[in-house]
Amino acid sequence: MKTANKNHEIVYSEMGQKTTAQIEFVCSYGGGYAVHTNLELKGRGIRQTGDGSNHKRNLKGYHVTELALEKLKTQYSTAYMANL
């Protein structure tokens, strides 16, 4: 996976690390990525899965394709939320 911008980081939340990235993402079962953000995302390859009411930090949930995520990485700061 190529990263197009310098504002990409890997965060290990189990180790107490925090992020200020605009978009957080993890790999999703069945392909694509699960994305959480305060931003209103729209476009090809982006589908909203949650309005934030069930998220602990009220972040909206989206399912995005790999191509859509690569485009988002060029526009916003992103963080991969790694699990140990």
C-alpha atoms as a PDB file:
ATOM      1  CA  MET A   1       0.000   0.000   0.000  1.00  0.00           C
ATOM      2  CA  LYS A   2       1.520   3.324  -1.065  1.00  0.00           C
ATOM      3  CA  THR A   3       1.125   6.385   1.143  1.00  0.00           C
ATOM      4  CA  ALA A   4       0.760   9.608  -0.803  1.00  0.00           C
ATOM      5  CA  ASN A   5       1.142  12.132   2.000  1.00  0.00           C
ATOM      6  CA  LYS A   6       3.393  12.670   4.987  1.00  0.00           C
ATOM      7  CA  ASN A   7       0.463  12.931   7.413  1.00  0.00           C
ATOM      8  CA  HIS A   8       0.003   9.180   7.828  1.00  0.00           C
ATOM      9  CA  GLU A   9       0.750   7.347  11.069  1.00  0.00           C
ATOM     10  CA  ILE A  10       0.300   3.947  12.688  1.00  0.00           C
ATOM     11  CA  VAL A  11      -1.294   4.054  16.153  1.00  0.00           C
ATOM     12  CA  TYR A  12      -1.351   1.276  18.769  1.00  0.00           C
ATOM     13  CA  SER A  13      -4.298   2.228  20.997  1.00  0.00           C
ATOM     14  CA  GLU A  14      -3.657  -0.745  23.347  1.00  0.00           C
ATOM     15  CA  MET A  15      -0.353   0.891  24.271  1.00  0.00           C
ATOM     16  CA  GLY A  16      -2.082   4.148  25.147  1.00  0.00           C
ATOM     17  CA  GLN A  17      -1.120   5.959  21.948  1.00  0.00           C
ATOM     18  CA  LYS A  18      -3.493   8.655  20.727  1.00  0.00           C
ATOM     19  CA  THR A  19      -3.866  10.412  17.404  1.00  0.00           C
ATOM     20  CA  THR A  20      -4.995  13.789  16.105  1.00  0.00           C
ATOM     21  CA  ALA A  21      -5.538  12.470  12.563  1.00  0.00           C
ATOM     22  CA  GLN A  22      -8.699  13.519  10.760  1.00  0.00           C
ATOM     23  CA  ILE A  23      -9.380   9.958   9.578  1.00  0.00           C
ATOM     24  CA  GLU A  24      -8.780   6.683  11.458  1.00  0.00           C
ATOM     25  CA  PHE A  25      -8.989   3.364   9.609  1.00  0.00           C
ATOM     26  CA  VAL A  26      -8.628  -0.396  10.055  1.00  0.00           C
ATOM     27  CA  CYS A  27      -8.830  -3.343   7.654  1.00  0.00           C
ATOM     28  CA  SER A  28     -12.359  -4.639   7.182  1.00  0.00           C
ATOM     29  CA  TYR A  29     -13.517  -8.215   6.762  1.00  0.00           C
ATOM     30  CA  GLY A  30     -14.615  -8.882   3.206  1.00  0.00           C
ATOM     31  CA  GLY A  31     -12.270  -6.284   1.708  1.00  0.00           C
ATOM     32  CA  GLY A  32     -11.941  -2.557   1.991  1.00  0.00           C
ATOM     33  CA  TYR A  33     -11.457  -0.532   5.154  1.00  0.00           C
ATOM     34  CA  ALA A  34     -13.559   0.622   8.102  1.00  0.00           C
ATOM     35  CA  VAL A  35     -13.094   4.381   8.557  1.00  0.00           C
ATOM     36  CA  HIS A  36     -14.058   6.617  11.494  1.00  0.00           C
ATOM     37  CA  THR A  37     -14.052  10.402  11.254  1.00  0.00           C
ATOM     38  CA  ASN A  38     -15.906  13.619  12.092  1.00  0.00           C
ATOM     39  CA  LEU A  39     -15.829  14.556   8.409  1.00  0.00           C
ATOM     40  CA  GLU A  40     -18.762  14.127   6.037  1.00  0.00           C
ATOM     41  CA  LEU A  41     -17.403  11.749   3.384  1.00  0.00           C
ATOM     42  CA  LYS A  42     -19.046  11.199   0.003  1.00  0.00           C
ATOM     43  CA  GLY A  43     -18.035   9.743  -3.312  1.00  0.00           C
ATOM     44  CA  ARG A  44     -17.434   6.595  -5.255  1.00  0.00           C
ATOM     45  CA  GLY A  45     -16.334   3.702  -3.054  1.00  0.00           C
ATOM     46  CA  ILE A  46     -17.532   5.340   0.187  1.00  0.00           C
ATOM     47  CA  ARG A  47     -20.583   4.041   2.101  1.00  0.00           C
ATOM     48  CA  GLN A  48     -21.731   5.382   5.485  1.00  0.00           C
ATOM     49  CA  THR A  49     -22.206   2.618   8.070  1.00  0.00           C
ATOM     50  CA  GLY A  50     -22.849   4.635  11.241  1.00  0.00           C
ATOM     51  CA  ASP A  51     -23.929   8.122  12.283  1.00  0.00           C
ATOM     52  CA  GLY A  52     -21.687   8.286  15.353  1.00  0.00           C
ATOM     53  CA  SER A  53     -24.396   7.766  17.959  1.00  0.00           C
ATOM     54  CA  ASN A  54     -22.940   4.356  18.940  1.00  0.00           C
ATOM     55  CA  HIS A  55     -19.264   5.325  18.743  1.00  0.00           C
ATOM     56  CA  LYS A  56     -17.490   6.158  22.022  1.00  0.00           C
ATOM     57  CA  ARG A  57     -16.131   9.418  20.544  1.00  0.00           C
ATOM     58  CA  ASN A  58     -19.180  10.109  18.327  1.00  0.00           C
ATOM     59  CA  LEU A  59     -17.221   9.523  15.106  1.00  0.00           C
ATOM     60  CA  LYS A  60     -19.155   8.622  11.959  1.00  0.00           C
ATOM     61  CA  GLY A  61     -18.440   5.210  10.450  1.00  0.00           C
ATOM     62  CA  TYR A  62     -17.787   4.459   6.790  1.00  0.00           C
ATOM     63  CA  HIS A  63     -16.768   1.490   4.673  1.00  0.00           C
ATOM     64  CA  VAL A  64     -14.385   2.492   1.873  1.00  0.00           C
ATOM     65  CA  THR A  65     -12.594   0.695  -0.934  1.00  0.00           C
ATOM     66  CA  GLU A  66      -8.798   0.665  -1.166  1.00  0.00           C
ATOM     67  CA  LEU A  67      -8.848   3.157  -4.034  1.00  0.00           C
ATOM     68  CA  ALA A  68     -11.129   5.539  -2.121  1.00  0.00           C
ATOM     69  CA  LEU A  69      -8.844   5.322   0.941  1.00  0.00           C
ATOM     70  CA  GLU A  70      -5.767   6.138  -1.168  1.00  0.00           C
ATOM     71  CA  LYS A  71      -7.528   9.276  -2.405  1.00  0.00           C
ATOM     72  CA  LEU A  72      -8.549  10.255   1.140  1.00  0.00           C
ATOM     73  CA  LYS A  73      -4.912   9.866   2.266  1.00  0.00           C
ATOM     74  CA  THR A  74      -3.872  12.580  -0.207  1.00  0.00           C
ATOM     75  CA  GLN A  75      -6.479  15.009   1.166  1.00  0.00           C
ATOM     76  CA  TYR A  76      -6.506  14.407   4.952  1.00  0.00           C
ATOM     77  CA  SER A  77      -4.239  13.288   7.769  1.00  0.00           C
ATOM     78  CA  THR A  78      -4.816   9.571   8.423  1.00  0.00           C
ATOM     79  CA  ALA A  79      -3.962   7.001  11.061  1.00  0.00           C
ATOM     80  CA  TYR A  80      -4.016   3.215  10.809  1.00  0.00           C
ATOM     81  CA  MET A  81      -5.373   1.906  14.105  1.00  0.00           C
ATOM     82  CA  ALA A  82      -3.254  -1.223  14.609  1.00  0.00           C
ATOM     83  CA  ASN A  83      -4.226  -4.068  16.933  1.00  0.00           C
ATOM     84  CA  LEU A  84      -1.650  -6.025  18.885  1.00  0.00           C
END
